[in-house]
PDB file of N, CA and C in Angstrom:
ATOM      1  N   MET A   1     -10.855   9.178 -16.433  1.00  0.00           N
ATOM      2  CA  MET A   1     -11.238   8.286 -15.662  1.00  0.00           C
ATOM      3  C   MET A   1      -9.322   8.598 -14.517  1.00  0.00           C
ATOM      4  N   ALA A   2      -9.667   9.010 -12.833  1.00  0.00           N
ATOM      5  CA  ALA A   2      -8.403   8.646 -12.217  1.00  0.00           C
ATOM      6  C   ALA A   2      -8.146   7.719 -10.994  1.00  0.00           C
ATOM      7  N   TRP A   3      -6.869   7.548 -10.774  1.00  0.00           N
ATOM      8  CA  TRP A   3      -6.758   6.372  -9.864  1.00  0.00           C
ATOM      9  C   TRP A   3      -7.305   7.111  -8.621  1.00  0.00           C
ATOM     10  N   SER A   4      -7.350   5.947  -7.495  1.00  0.00           N
ATOM     11  CA  SER A   4      -7.907   6.742  -6.212  1.00  0.00           C
ATOM     12  C   SER A   4      -7.682   5.433  -4.942  1.00  0.00           C
ATOM     13  N   ILE A   5      -7.803   5.778  -4.127  1.00  0.00           N
ATOM     14  CA  ILE A   5      -7.418   4.851  -2.883  1.00  0.00           C
ATOM     15  C   ILE A   5      -7.736   4.480  -1.892  1.00  0.00           C
ATOM     16  N   ASN A   6      -8.110   3.389  -1.504  1.00  0.00           N
ATOM     17  CA  ASN A   6      -8.990   3.341  -0.260  1.00  0.00           C
ATOM     18  C   ASN A   6      -8.400   2.456   0.799  1.00  0.00           C
ATOM     19  N   ASP A   7      -8.237   3.620   2.077  1.00  0.00           N
ATOM     20  CA  ASP A   7      -7.749   2.851   3.480  1.00  0.00           C
ATOM     21  C   ASP A   7      -7.917   3.227   4.688  1.00  0.00           C
ATOM     22  N   SER A   8      -9.318   3.562   4.040  1.00  0.00           N
ATOM     23  CA  SER A   8     -10.213   3.205   5.808  1.00  0.00           C
ATOM     24  C   SER A   8     -10.491   2.255   6.748  1.00  0.00           C
ATOM     25  N   GLN A   9      -9.796   1.500   6.157  1.00  0.00           N
ATOM     26  CA  GLN A   9      -9.849   0.117   6.881  1.00  0.00           C
ATOM     27  C   GLN A   9      -8.730  -0.136   7.671  1.00  0.00           C
ATOM     28  N   GLN A  10      -7.586   0.222   7.862  1.00  0.00           N
ATOM     29  CA  GLN A  10      -5.986   0.051   7.985  1.00  0.00           C
ATOM     30  C   GLN A  10      -6.349   2.007   9.328  1.00  0.00           C
ATOM     31  N   ARG A  11      -7.389   2.783   8.579  1.00  0.00           N
ATOM     32  CA  ARG A  11      -6.735   4.197   9.239  1.00  0.00           C
ATOM     33  C   ARG A  11      -8.128   3.756  10.276  1.00  0.00           C
ATOM     34  N   ILE A  12      -9.255   3.030  10.387  1.00  0.00           N
ATOM     35  CA  ILE A  12      -9.607   2.509  11.487  1.00  0.00           C
ATOM     36  C   ILE A  12      -8.674   2.077  12.624  1.00  0.00           C
ATOM     37  N   LEU A  13      -7.988   1.346  12.133  1.00  0.00           N
ATOM     38  CA  LEU A  13      -7.369   0.084  13.473  1.00  0.00           C
ATOM     39  C   LEU A  13      -6.302   1.359  13.962  1.00  0.00           C
ATOM     40  N   TYR A  14      -5.944   2.409  13.171  1.00  0.00           N
ATOM     41  CA  TYR A  14      -4.730   3.094  13.667  1.00  0.00           C
ATOM     42  C   TYR A  14      -5.800   4.202  15.211  1.00  0.00           C
ATOM     43  N   ASN A  15      -7.229   4.625  14.508  1.00  0.00           N
ATOM     44  CA  ASN A  15      -7.174   5.157  15.192  1.00  0.00           C
ATOM     45  C   ASN A  15      -7.580   4.207  16.737  1.00  0.00           C
ATOM     46  N   LYS A  16      -8.041   3.205  16.790  1.00  0.00           N
ATOM     47  CA  LYS A  16      -8.096   2.396  17.229  1.00  0.00           C
ATOM     48  C   LYS A  16      -6.972   1.870  17.952  1.00  0.00           C
ATOM     49  N   GLY A  17      -5.971   2.096  18.042  1.00  0.00           N
ATOM     50  CA  GLY A  17      -4.744   1.585  18.564  1.00  0.00           C
ATOM     51  C   GLY A  17      -4.397   0.321  18.614  1.00  0.00           C
ATOM     52  N   LYS A  18      -5.297  -0.605  16.830  1.00  0.00           N
ATOM     53  CA  LYS A  18      -5.157  -1.857  16.715  1.00  0.00           C
ATOM     54  C   LYS A  18      -3.825  -1.731  14.910  1.00  0.00           C
ATOM     55  N   HIS A  19      -3.127  -1.238  15.265  1.00  0.00           N
ATOM     56  CA  HIS A  19      -2.081  -1.255  13.792  1.00  0.00           C
ATOM     57  C   HIS A  19      -0.778  -1.568  14.692  1.00  0.00           C
ATOM     58  N   VAL A  20      -0.304  -1.920  12.958  1.00  0.00           N
ATOM     59  CA  VAL A  20       1.702  -2.200  13.374  1.00  0.00           C
ATOM     60  C   VAL A  20       2.635  -0.728  13.359  1.00  0.00           C
ATOM     61  N   ALA A  21       3.005  -0.845  13.670  1.00  0.00           N
ATOM     62  CA  ALA A  21       3.836   0.071  14.556  1.00  0.00           C
ATOM     63  C   ALA A  21       4.700   0.472  13.062  1.00  0.00           C
ATOM     64  N   VAL A  22       4.590   1.204  12.221  1.00  0.00           N
ATOM     65  CA  VAL A  22       5.766   1.640  11.173  1.00  0.00           C
ATOM     66  C   VAL A  22       6.466   2.678  11.416  1.00  0.00           C
ATOM     67  N   PRO A  23       8.114   2.865  11.124  1.00  0.00           N
ATOM     68  CA  PRO A  23       9.013   4.134  11.876  1.00  0.00           C
ATOM     69  C   PRO A  23       8.639   5.097  11.063  1.00  0.00           C
ATOM     70  N   ALA A  24       8.667   6.885  11.626  1.00  0.00           N
ATOM     71  CA  ALA A  24       8.206   7.641  10.335  1.00  0.00           C
ATOM     72  C   ALA A  24       9.241   7.717   8.860  1.00  0.00           C
ATOM     73  N   ALA A  25       9.947   6.932   8.497  1.00  0.00           N
ATOM     74  CA  ALA A  25      10.324   6.734   7.384  1.00  0.00           C
ATOM     75  C   ALA A  25       9.496   6.439   6.867  1.00  0.00           C
ATOM     76  N   GLY A  26       9.002   4.452   6.941  1.00  0.00           N
ATOM     77  CA  GLY A  26       8.206   4.202   6.462  1.00  0.00           C
ATOM     78  C   GLY A  26       6.985   5.276   5.576  1.00  0.00           C
ATOM     79  N   MET A  27       6.686   5.088   6.983  1.00  0.00           N
ATOM     80  CA  MET A  27       4.958   6.171   6.543  1.00  0.00           C
ATOM     81  C   MET A  27       5.108   7.192   5.361  1.00  0.00           C
ATOM     82  N   SER A  28       6.488   7.391   6.145  1.00  0.00           N
ATOM     83  CA  SER A  28       6.266   8.771   4.760  1.00  0.00           C
ATOM     84  C   SER A  28       6.201   8.472   3.364  1.00  0.00           C
ATOM     85  N   LYS A  29       7.211   7.392   3.038  1.00  0.00           N
ATOM     86  CA  LYS A  29       6.783   6.518   1.651  1.00  0.00           C
ATOM     87  C   LYS A  29       6.134   6.332   1.708  1.00  0.00           C
ATOM     88  N   TYR A  30       4.382   5.905   2.421  1.00  0.00           N
ATOM     89  CA  TYR A  30       3.284   5.900   2.352  1.00  0.00           C
ATOM     90  C   TYR A  30       3.013   6.703   1.945  1.00  0.00           C
ATOM     91  N   HIS A  31       3.220   7.907   2.439  1.00  0.00           N
ATOM     92  CA  HIS A  31       1.521   8.938   2.106  1.00  0.00           C
ATOM     93  C   HIS A  31       2.427   9.786   1.101  1.00  0.00           C
ATOM     94  N   GLU A  32       3.995   9.608   0.586  1.00  0.00           N
ATOM     95  CA  GLU A  32       3.710   9.916  -0.243  1.00  0.00           C
ATOM     96  C   GLU A  32       3.988   9.465  -1.832  1.00  0.00           C
ATOM     97  N   TRP A  33       3.939   7.863  -1.396  1.00  0.00           N
ATOM     98  CA  TRP A  33       3.160   7.262  -2.702  1.00  0.00           C
ATOM     99  C   TRP A  33       1.412   7.833  -2.462  1.00  0.00           C
ATOM    100  N   ARG A  34       1.322   7.502  -1.199  1.00  0.00           N
ATOM    101  CA  ARG A  34      -0.303   7.472  -1.273  1.00  0.00           C
ATOM    102  C   ARG A  34      -1.262   9.160  -2.153  1.00  0.00           C
ATOM    103  N   ARG A  35      -0.190   9.792  -2.246  1.00  0.00           N
ATOM    104  CA  ARG A  35      -0.097  11.671  -2.796  1.00  0.00           C
ATOM    105  C   ARG A  35      -0.562  11.199  -4.068  1.00  0.00           C
ATOM    106  N   GLU A  36       0.863   9.879  -4.625  1.00  0.00           N
ATOM    107  CA  GLU A  36       0.913  10.112  -5.848  1.00  0.00           C
ATOM    108  C   GLU A  36      -0.545   9.879  -6.030  1.00  0.00           C
ATOM    109  N   ILE A  37      -1.053   8.699  -6.326  1.00  0.00           N
ATOM    110  CA  ILE A  37      -2.227   7.897  -5.905  1.00  0.00           C
ATOM    111  C   ILE A  37      -3.663   8.980  -6.465  1.00  0.00           C
ATOM    112  N   GLU A  38      -3.147   9.826  -5.395  1.00  0.00           N
ATOM    113  CA  GLU A  38      -4.632   9.997  -5.347  1.00  0.00           C
ATOM    114  C   GLU A  38      -4.252  11.514  -6.208  1.00  0.00           C
ATOM    115  N   ARG A  39      -3.025  11.875  -6.626  1.00  0.00           N
ATOM    116  CA  ARG A  39      -3.316  12.155  -7.734  1.00  0.00           C
ATOM    117  C   ARG A  39      -3.699  11.830  -9.753  1.00  0.00           C
ATOM    118  N   GLY A  40      -3.714  10.818  -9.425  1.00  0.00           N
ATOM    119  CA  GLY A  40      -3.997  10.144 -10.297  1.00  0.00           C
ATOM    120  C   GLY A  40      -3.316   9.018 -11.729  1.00  0.00           C
ATOM    121  N   THR A  41      -2.100   9.165  -9.649  1.00  0.00           N
ATOM    122  CA  THR A  41      -0.981   8.453 -10.731  1.00  0.00           C
ATOM    123  C   THR A  41      -1.408   6.375 -10.800  1.00  0.00           C
ATOM    124  N   HIS A  42      -1.245   5.947 -11.443  1.00  0.00           N
ATOM    125  CA  HIS A  42      -1.472   4.394 -10.861  1.00  0.00           C
ATOM    126  C   HIS A  42      -0.445   4.063 -10.672  1.00  0.00           C
ATOM    127  N   PRO A  43      -0.812   3.231  -9.183  1.00  0.00           N
ATOM    128  CA  PRO A  43       0.518   2.389  -7.693  1.00  0.00           C
ATOM    129  C   PRO A  43       1.833   2.016  -8.533  1.00  0.00           C
ATOM    130  N   LYS A  44       1.812   1.592  -9.180  1.00  0.00           N
ATOM    131  CA  LYS A  44       3.185   0.867 -10.199  1.00  0.00           C
ATOM    132  C   LYS A  44       3.758   2.096 -10.633  1.00  0.00           C
ATOM    133  N   ASN A  45       3.562   3.420 -11.013  1.00  0.00           N
ATOM    134  CA  ASN A  45       4.476   4.361 -11.039  1.00  0.00           C
ATOM    135  C   ASN A  45       4.307   5.434 -10.180  1.00  0.00           C
ATOM    136  N   ALA A  46       2.725   5.301  -9.418  1.00  0.00           N
ATOM    137  CA  ALA A  46       3.767   6.219  -8.216  1.00  0.00           C
ATOM    138  C   ALA A  46       4.134   5.245  -7.440  1.00  0.00           C
ATOM    139  N   ALA A  47       5.078   3.950  -6.923  1.00  0.00           N
ATOM    140  CA  ALA A  47       5.592   3.570  -6.405  1.00  0.00           C
ATOM    141  C   ALA A  47       7.627   3.450  -7.600  1.00  0.00           C
ATOM    142  N   ASP A  48       7.711   3.359  -8.116  1.00  0.00           N
ATOM    143  CA  ASP A  48       8.041   4.310  -9.144  1.00  0.00           C
ATOM    144  C   ASP A  48       8.834   5.356  -8.582  1.00  0.00           C
ATOM    145  N   LYS A  49       8.149   6.676  -8.911  1.00  0.00           N
ATOM    146  CA  LYS A  49       8.467   7.961  -8.951  1.00  0.00           C
ATOM    147  C   LYS A  49       9.117   8.310  -6.974  1.00  0.00           C
ATOM    148  N   VAL A  50       8.317   7.012  -6.117  1.00  0.00           N
ATOM    149  CA  VAL A  50       9.004   7.047  -4.469  1.00  0.00           C
ATOM    150  C   VAL A  50      10.548   6.156  -4.015  1.00  0.00           C
ATOM    151  N   GLY A  51      10.587   5.227  -5.696  1.00  0.00           N
ATOM    152  CA  GLY A  51      11.416   4.814  -4.881  1.00  0.00           C
ATOM    153  C   GLY A  51      12.154   3.645  -4.111  1.00  0.00           C
ATOM    154  N   ASP A  52      12.490   2.756  -4.240  1.00  0.00           N
ATOM    155  CA  ASP A  52      13.116   1.497  -3.601  1.00  0.00           C
ATOM    156  C   ASP A  52      11.443   1.331  -3.260  1.00  0.00           C
ATOM    157  N   MET A  53      10.021   1.235  -3.897  1.00  0.00           N
ATOM    158  CA  MET A  53       9.378  -0.452  -2.704  1.00  0.00           C
ATOM    159  C   MET A  53       9.251  -1.238  -3.248  1.00  0.00           C
ATOM    160  N   HIS A  54       9.895  -1.675  -4.340  1.00  0.00           N
ATOM    161  CA  HIS A  54       9.575  -3.461  -4.665  1.00  0.00           C
ATOM    162  C   HIS A  54       8.276  -3.362  -5.436  1.00  0.00           C
ATOM    163  N   TYR A  55       7.613  -3.037  -5.569  1.00  0.00           N
ATOM    164  CA  TYR A  55       5.889  -2.873  -6.203  1.00  0.00           C
ATOM    165  C   TYR A  55       6.349  -4.489  -6.827  1.00  0.00           C
ATOM    166  N   GLU A  56       5.516  -5.554  -6.139  1.00  0.00           N
ATOM    167  CA  GLU A  56       4.329  -6.732  -6.668  1.00  0.00           C
ATOM    168  C   GLU A  56       3.531  -7.008  -6.976  1.00  0.00           C
ATOM    169  N   GLN A  57       3.803  -8.564  -7.813  1.00  0.00           N
ATOM    170  CA  GLN A  57       2.241  -9.191  -7.417  1.00  0.00           C
ATOM    171  C   GLN A  57       2.469 -10.114  -6.836  1.00  0.00           C
ATOM    172  N   LEU A  58       1.674 -10.261  -5.482  1.00  0.00           N
ATOM    173  CA  LEU A  58       1.545 -12.108  -4.967  1.00  0.00           C
ATOM    174  C   LEU A  58       1.225 -12.937  -6.255  1.00  0.00           C
ATOM    175  N   SER A  59       1.389 -14.349  -5.254  1.00  0.00           N
ATOM    176  CA  SER A  59       1.184 -15.351  -5.903  1.00  0.00           C
ATOM    177  C   SER A  59       0.728 -17.077  -5.318  1.00  0.00           C
ATOM    178  N   GLY A  60       0.216 -17.564  -6.092  1.00  0.00           N
ATOM    179  CA  GLY A  60      -0.526 -18.570  -5.110  1.00  0.00           C
ATOM    180  C   GLY A  60      -1.431 -18.127  -4.813  1.00  0.00           C
ATOM    181  N   VAL A  61      -2.077 -18.937  -3.131  1.00  0.00           N
ATOM    182  CA  VAL A  61      -2.922 -18.510  -2.667  1.00  0.00           C
ATOM    183  C   VAL A  61      -3.548 -16.726  -2.611  1.00  0.00           C
ATOM    184  N   ASN A  62      -2.158 -16.437  -2.786  1.00  0.00           N
ATOM    185  CA  ASN A  62      -1.903 -14.231  -2.217  1.00  0.00           C
ATOM    186  C   ASN A  62      -2.672 -13.524  -3.754  1.00  0.00           C
ATOM    187  N   LYS A  63      -2.628 -14.507  -4.655  1.00  0.00           N
ATOM    188  CA  LYS A  63      -2.342 -13.750  -6.308  1.00  0.00           C
ATOM    189  C   LYS A  63      -4.515 -12.693  -6.298  1.00  0.00           C
ATOM    190  N   GLY A  64      -3.092 -11.851  -6.555  1.00  0.00           N
ATOM    191  CA  GLY A  64      -4.277 -10.402  -7.085  1.00  0.00           C
ATOM    192  C   GLY A  64      -4.197  -9.827  -6.082  1.00  0.00           C
ATOM    193  N   ILE A  65      -3.450  -9.500  -4.994  1.00  0.00           N
ATOM    194  CA  ILE A  65      -2.761  -8.881  -3.600  1.00  0.00           C
ATOM    195  C   ILE A  65      -1.076  -8.342  -4.355  1.00  0.00           C
ATOM    196  N   TYR A  66      -1.185  -6.960  -3.997  1.00  0.00           N
ATOM    197  CA  TYR A  66      -0.002  -6.481  -4.235  1.00  0.00           C
ATOM    198  C   TYR A  66       0.747  -5.934  -3.064  1.00  0.00           C
ATOM    199  N   THR A  67       1.889  -5.971  -3.396  1.00  0.00           N
ATOM    200  CA  THR A  67       3.356  -5.455  -1.590  1.00  0.00           C
ATOM    201  C   THR A  67       3.747  -3.835  -2.478  1.00  0.00           C
ATOM    202  N   ILE A  68       4.082  -3.243  -1.701  1.00  0.00           N
ATOM    203  CA  ILE A  68       5.712  -2.692  -1.895  1.00  0.00           C
ATOM    204  C   ILE A  68       6.096  -2.697  -0.572  1.00  0.00           C
ATOM    205  N   ARG A  69       6.683  -1.944  -0.456  1.00  0.00           N
ATOM    206  CA  ARG A  69       8.514  -2.242   0.390  1.00  0.00           C
ATOM    207  C   ARG A  69       8.483  -0.316   1.327  1.00  0.00           C
ATOM    208  N   LEU A  70       7.910  -0.502   2.820  1.00  0.00           N
ATOM    209  CA  LEU A  70       8.178   0.916   2.707  1.00  0.00           C
ATOM    210  C   LEU A  70       9.702   0.344   4.085  1.00  0.00           C
ATOM    211  N   SER A  71      10.273  -0.673   4.232  1.00  0.00           N
ATOM    212  CA  SER A  71      11.369  -0.315   4.493  1.00  0.00           C
ATOM    213  C   SER A  71      11.853  -2.333   4.471  1.00  0.00           C
ATOM    214  N   GLN A  72      12.716  -2.502   4.867  1.00  0.00           N
ATOM    215  CA  GLN A  72      13.184  -4.014   5.413  1.00  0.00           C
ATOM    216  C   GLN A  72      12.059  -4.748   5.358  1.00  0.00           C
ATOM    217  N   GLU A  73      11.086  -4.363   6.974  1.00  0.00           N
ATOM    218  CA  GLU A  73      10.403  -5.203   7.881  1.00  0.00           C
ATOM    219  C   GLU A  73       9.789  -5.299   7.218  1.00  0.00           C
ATOM    220  N   HIS A  74       8.810  -3.810   6.729  1.00  0.00           N
ATOM    221  CA  HIS A  74       7.737  -3.449   6.930  1.00  0.00           C
ATOM    222  C   HIS A  74       6.703  -3.148   5.295  1.00  0.00           C
ATOM    223  N   ARG A  75       6.196  -3.562   4.837  1.00  0.00           N
ATOM    224  CA  ARG A  75       5.499  -3.303   3.336  1.00  0.00           C
ATOM    225  C   ARG A  75       3.979  -2.977   2.919  1.00  0.00           C
ATOM    226  N   VAL A  76       3.297  -2.521   2.731  1.00  0.00           N
ATOM    227  CA  VAL A  76       1.729  -2.139   2.320  1.00  0.00           C
ATOM    228  C   VAL A  76       1.662  -3.652   1.252  1.00  0.00           C
ATOM    229  N   ALA A  77      -0.118  -3.768   1.729  1.00  0.00           N
ATOM    230  CA  ALA A  77      -0.559  -4.999   1.168  1.00  0.00           C
ATOM    231  C   ALA A  77      -2.331  -4.223   0.399  1.00  0.00           C
ATOM    232  N   PHE A  78      -2.317  -4.583  -1.261  1.00  0.00           N
ATOM    233  CA  PHE A  78      -3.247  -3.727  -1.129  1.00  0.00           C
ATOM    234  C   PHE A  78      -3.940  -4.774  -2.737  1.00  0.00           C
ATOM    235  N   THR A  79      -4.776  -4.649  -3.245  1.00  0.00           N
ATOM    236  CA  THR A  79      -6.043  -4.623  -4.206  1.00  0.00           C
ATOM    237  C   THR A  79      -6.066  -4.061  -5.155  1.00  0.00           C
ATOM    238  N   LEU A  80      -6.140  -4.121  -6.456  1.00  0.00           N
ATOM    239  CA  LEU A  80      -6.270  -3.847  -7.820  1.00  0.00           C
ATOM    240  C   LEU A  80      -7.981  -3.078  -8.094  1.00  0.00           C
ATOM    241  N   HIS A  81      -8.683  -2.772  -8.377  1.00  0.00           N
ATOM    242  CA  HIS A  81      -9.680  -1.982  -9.384  1.00  0.00           C
ATOM    243  C   HIS A  81      -9.024  -2.036 -10.303  1.00  0.00           C
ATOM    244  N   ASP A  82      -9.290  -2.196 -11.453  1.00  0.00           N
ATOM    245  CA  ASP A  82      -8.453  -1.455 -12.542  1.00  0.00           C
ATOM    246  C   ASP A  82      -9.341  -0.271 -13.816  1.00  0.00           C
ATOM    247  N   THR A  83     -10.574  -1.579 -13.187  1.00  0.00           N
ATOM    248  CA  THR A  83     -11.919  -0.990 -13.963  1.00  0.00           C
ATOM    249  C   THR A  83     -12.277   0.813 -13.297  1.00  0.00           C
ATOM    250  N   LEU A  84     -12.311   0.249 -11.647  1.00  0.00           N
ATOM    251  CA  LEU A  84     -12.775   1.999 -11.421  1.00  0.00           C
ATOM    252  C   LEU A  84     -11.726   2.760 -11.029  1.00  0.00           C
ATOM    253  N   GLN A  85      -9.830   2.042 -11.317  1.00  0.00           N
ATOM    254  CA  GLN A  85      -8.661   2.952 -11.564  1.00  0.00           C
ATOM    255  C   GLN A  85      -8.552   2.905  -9.179  1.00  0.00           C
ATOM    256  N   GLN A  86      -9.231   1.511  -8.887  1.00  0.00           N
ATOM    257  CA  GLN A  86      -9.733   1.590  -7.205  1.00  0.00           C
ATOM    258  C   GLN A  86      -8.280   1.342  -6.512  1.00  0.00           C
ATOM    259  N   VAL A  87      -7.651   1.766  -5.776  1.00  0.00           N
ATOM    260  CA  VAL A  87      -6.252   0.771  -5.305  1.00  0.00           C
ATOM    261  C   VAL A  87      -7.436   0.819  -3.308  1.00  0.00           C
ATOM    262  N   ASN A  88      -7.953  -0.473  -3.148  1.00  0.00           N
ATOM    263  CA  ASN A  88      -7.716  -0.992  -2.001  1.00  0.00           C
ATOM    264  C   ASN A  88      -6.738  -1.708  -1.233  1.00  0.00           C
ATOM    265  N   VAL A  89      -5.999  -0.638   0.346  1.00  0.00           N
ATOM    266  CA  VAL A  89      -5.324  -1.031   1.001  1.00  0.00           C
ATOM    267  C   VAL A  89      -5.895  -2.627   2.358  1.00  0.00           C
ATOM    268  N   ILE A  90      -5.566  -3.434   2.161  1.00  0.00           N
ATOM    269  CA  ILE A  90      -5.593  -3.908   2.890  1.00  0.00           C
ATOM    270  C   ILE A  90      -4.778  -4.416   4.572  1.00  0.00           C
ATOM    271  N   SER A  91      -3.386  -4.059   4.702  1.00  0.00           N
ATOM    272  CA  SER A  91      -2.612  -3.275   5.104  1.00  0.00           C
ATOM    273  C   SER A  91      -1.403  -3.113   5.445  1.00  0.00           C
ATOM    274  N   ILE A  92      -1.056  -2.668   5.968  1.00  0.00           N
ATOM    275  CA  ILE A  92       0.555  -1.300   6.812  1.00  0.00           C
ATOM    276  C   ILE A  92       1.273  -1.542   7.724  1.00  0.00           C
ATOM    277  N   GLY A  93       2.157  -2.026   7.296  1.00  0.00           N
ATOM    278  CA  GLY A  93       3.059  -2.799   8.535  1.00  0.00           C
ATOM    279  C   GLY A  93       3.342  -4.227   8.423  1.00  0.00           C
ATOM    280  N   GLY A  94       4.311  -4.728   9.215  1.00  0.00           N
ATOM    281  CA  GLY A  94       4.723  -5.788   8.833  1.00  0.00           C
ATOM    282  C   GLY A  94       5.007  -6.999   7.952  1.00  0.00           C
ATOM    283  N   HIS A  95       4.514  -8.250   7.299  1.00  0.00           N
ATOM    284  CA  HIS A  95       5.034  -8.984   6.616  1.00  0.00           C
ATOM    285  C   HIS A  95       3.790  -9.038   6.263  1.00  0.00           C
ATOM    286  N   PHE A  96       3.952  -9.506   4.204  1.00  0.00           N
ATOM    287  CA  PHE A  96       2.127  -9.614   4.243  1.00  0.00           C
ATOM    288  C   PHE A  96       3.120 -10.824   2.911  1.00  0.00           C
ATOM    289  N   PRO A  97       1.966 -12.205   2.969  1.00  0.00           N
ATOM    290  CA  PRO A  97       1.539 -12.590   3.758  1.00  0.00           C
ATOM    291  C   PRO A  97       1.578 -12.954   5.392  1.00  0.00           C
ATOM    292  N   PRO A  98       1.268 -12.011   6.176  1.00  0.00           N
ATOM    293  CA  PRO A  98       1.552 -12.490   7.682  1.00  0.00           C
ATOM    294  C   PRO A  98       1.492 -13.937   7.782  1.00  0.00           C
ATOM    295  N   SER A  99       2.833 -13.776   8.671  1.00  0.00           N
ATOM    296  CA  SER A  99       3.156 -15.428   9.007  1.00  0.00           C
ATOM    297  C   SER A  99       3.001 -15.499  10.456  1.00  0.00           C
TER     298      SER A  99
END
């Protein structure tokens, strides 16, 4: 089984104009990371391939949530379901957790 990614909720927000605007360079990194996952790559390895994404697991009340860096200002937050090998994107843009 290969890894897959679910960012449907973020796509709905984007289509409704209710998303956080991320510069083109940041979105380019996101799409490159997403393509690597769709090729079956583990999200951490995909982040390593894209480079400078600072993949990390959060702690405390956000334990179980992972983030990658798109830019100094913007992150992608997501959860992993290892058994199903699925990435579920929680947010794209801004910092996570929201302040």
